[in-house]
Amino acid sequence: MVTRNGNGQLQVQLPAFDPVLQIKAPAGTTRFQIQIAVAAMQINDRPGQDFFKTDWLLDYKPVLVNVTNINLPIDTAAGRLIVVAISLQYFANNNNIINQLIWKLAGIVGSFYN
């Protein structure tokens, strides 16, 4: 869920989850990374754009990961189009990135226009 926090910036809330039960991963996965990116672009004549990215690396094992709130320090002023995307990246033994196209998952999870 993506919401605005009290200071006008954005916050992503990830629910509690068990990675092995709720995230499909390729055979041999030992860790995975949740990547969150937000871009803000000025729509009217004024120039201005912002971009912020953060990563969250987790072990791929059967444990409960608590609810997590991630603040995205992006200005949500009037006249800006804001897009929030999340992607997953998987790692096998020896920290090798799994680069098969079928496992390059991403999607837009929020968008706003002020």
Protein backbone atom coordinates (compact mmCIF):
# COMPACT_ATOMS: atom_id res chain seq x y z
CA MET A 1 0.00 0.00 0.00
CA VAL A 2 1.31 3.47 -0.90
CA THR A 3 0.05 6.47 1.09
CA ARG A 4 1.06 10.02 1.87
CA ASN A 5 2.46 10.55 5.33
CA GLY A 6 1.90 13.63 7.50
CA ASN A 7 4.66 15.70 5.89
CA GLY A 8 3.37 15.29 2.32
CA GLN A 9 5.85 12.60 1.36
CA LEU A 10 5.07 9.00 0.41
CA GLN A 11 5.22 5.82 2.45
CA VAL A 12 5.09 2.21 1.23
CA GLN A 13 3.70 -0.31 3.70
CA LEU A 14 4.63 -3.93 3.11
CA PRO A 15 2.42 -6.38 5.03
CA ALA A 16 3.83 -9.13 7.22
CA PHE A 17 4.75 -12.15 5.11
CA ASP A 18 6.64 -15.42 4.98
CA PRO A 19 8.95 -15.24 1.93
CA VAL A 20 8.87 -18.96 1.16
CA LEU A 21 5.08 -19.23 1.43
CA GLN A 22 4.18 -16.00 -0.33
CA ILE A 23 6.91 -15.24 -2.87
CA LYS A 24 7.49 -17.61 -5.74
CA ALA A 25 11.21 -17.91 -6.49
CA PRO A 26 13.43 -19.92 -8.80
CA ALA A 27 15.08 -23.11 -7.55
CA GLY A 28 18.25 -22.42 -5.61
CA THR A 29 17.21 -18.97 -4.36
CA THR A 30 18.94 -18.08 -1.09
CA ARG A 31 18.15 -14.35 -0.89
CA PHE A 32 15.98 -11.83 -2.66
CA GLN A 33 15.86 -8.08 -2.89
CA ILE A 34 12.82 -5.84 -2.95
CA GLN A 35 13.64 -2.70 -4.92
CA ILE A 36 11.37 0.32 -4.58
CA ALA A 37 11.69 3.32 -6.88
CA VAL A 38 9.68 6.53 -7.04
CA ALA A 39 9.84 9.20 -9.73
CA ALA A 40 8.21 12.62 -9.64
CA MET A 41 7.92 14.76 -12.74
CA GLN A 42 6.65 18.30 -13.06
CA ILE A 43 3.76 18.32 -15.55
CA ASN A 44 3.28 22.05 -16.11
CA ASP A 45 5.84 24.54 -17.48
CA ARG A 46 8.08 24.56 -14.41
CA PRO A 47 11.10 22.26 -14.68
CA GLY A 48 11.74 19.68 -12.05
CA GLN A 49 12.02 15.99 -11.49
CA ASP A 50 13.06 13.79 -8.59
CA PHE A 51 13.99 10.15 -8.29
CA PHE A 52 14.53 7.97 -5.22
CA LYS A 53 15.38 4.27 -4.98
CA THR A 54 15.83 1.98 -2.02
CA ASP A 55 16.56 -1.74 -1.66
CA TRP A 56 15.65 -4.29 0.99
CA LEU A 57 17.68 -7.52 0.98
CA LEU A 58 16.14 -10.56 2.72
CA ASP A 59 17.01 -14.20 3.18
CA TYR A 60 14.71 -16.57 1.32
CA LYS A 61 13.74 -18.78 4.24
CA PRO A 62 10.52 -19.61 6.08
CA VAL A 63 10.32 -16.85 8.69
CA LEU A 64 7.73 -14.19 9.39
CA VAL A 65 8.86 -10.75 8.18
CA ASN A 66 7.07 -8.04 10.17
CA VAL A 67 5.01 -5.23 8.66
CA THR A 68 7.47 -2.71 7.25
CA ASN A 69 6.96 0.97 6.47
CA ILE A 70 9.38 2.56 4.02
CA ASN A 71 9.43 6.34 3.64
CA LEU A 72 10.07 7.75 0.18
CA PRO A 73 11.52 11.28 0.44
CA ILE A 74 9.90 12.74 -2.67
CA ASP A 75 8.24 16.14 -2.91
CA THR A 76 4.55 15.69 -3.73
CA ALA A 77 3.85 19.36 -4.50
CA ALA A 78 1.05 20.47 -6.81
CA GLY A 79 1.55 19.87 -10.52
CA ARG A 80 3.68 16.73 -10.12
CA LEU A 81 3.03 13.26 -11.52
CA ILE A 82 4.39 10.61 -9.14
CA VAL A 83 4.92 6.93 -9.97
CA VAL A 84 5.98 4.24 -7.47
CA ALA A 85 7.30 0.88 -8.70
CA ILE A 86 8.51 -2.29 -6.98
CA SER A 87 10.68 -5.04 -8.41
CA LEU A 88 12.15 -8.30 -7.12
CA GLN A 89 15.66 -9.58 -7.72
CA TYR A 90 16.72 -13.10 -6.77
CA PHE A 91 20.11 -14.42 -5.69
CA ALA A 92 21.38 -18.01 -5.68
CA ASN A 93 24.32 -19.44 -3.75
CA ASN A 94 27.49 -17.32 -3.82
CA ASN A 95 25.33 -14.20 -4.31
CA ASN A 96 24.89 -14.82 -8.04
CA ILE A 97 22.01 -12.80 -9.47
CA ILE A 98 19.40 -14.92 -11.23
CA ASN A 99 19.08 -13.18 -14.61
CA GLN A 100 16.42 -15.25 -16.34
CA LEU A 101 13.79 -12.94 -17.84
CA ILE A 102 10.92 -14.91 -16.27
CA TRP A 103 12.25 -13.92 -12.80
CA LYS A 104 12.60 -10.17 -13.47
CA LEU A 105 9.34 -9.14 -11.85
CA ALA A 106 8.24 -5.51 -11.51
CA GLY A 107 5.10 -3.42 -11.35
CA ILE A 108 3.70 0.01 -10.63
CA VAL A 109 2.14 0.00 -7.16
CA GLY A 110 1.08 3.62 -6.89
CA SER A 111 0.62 6.77 -8.90
CA PHE A 112 -0.52 10.26 -7.93
CA TYR A 113 -1.11 13.62 -9.57
CA ASN A 114 -1.46 16.71 -7.43
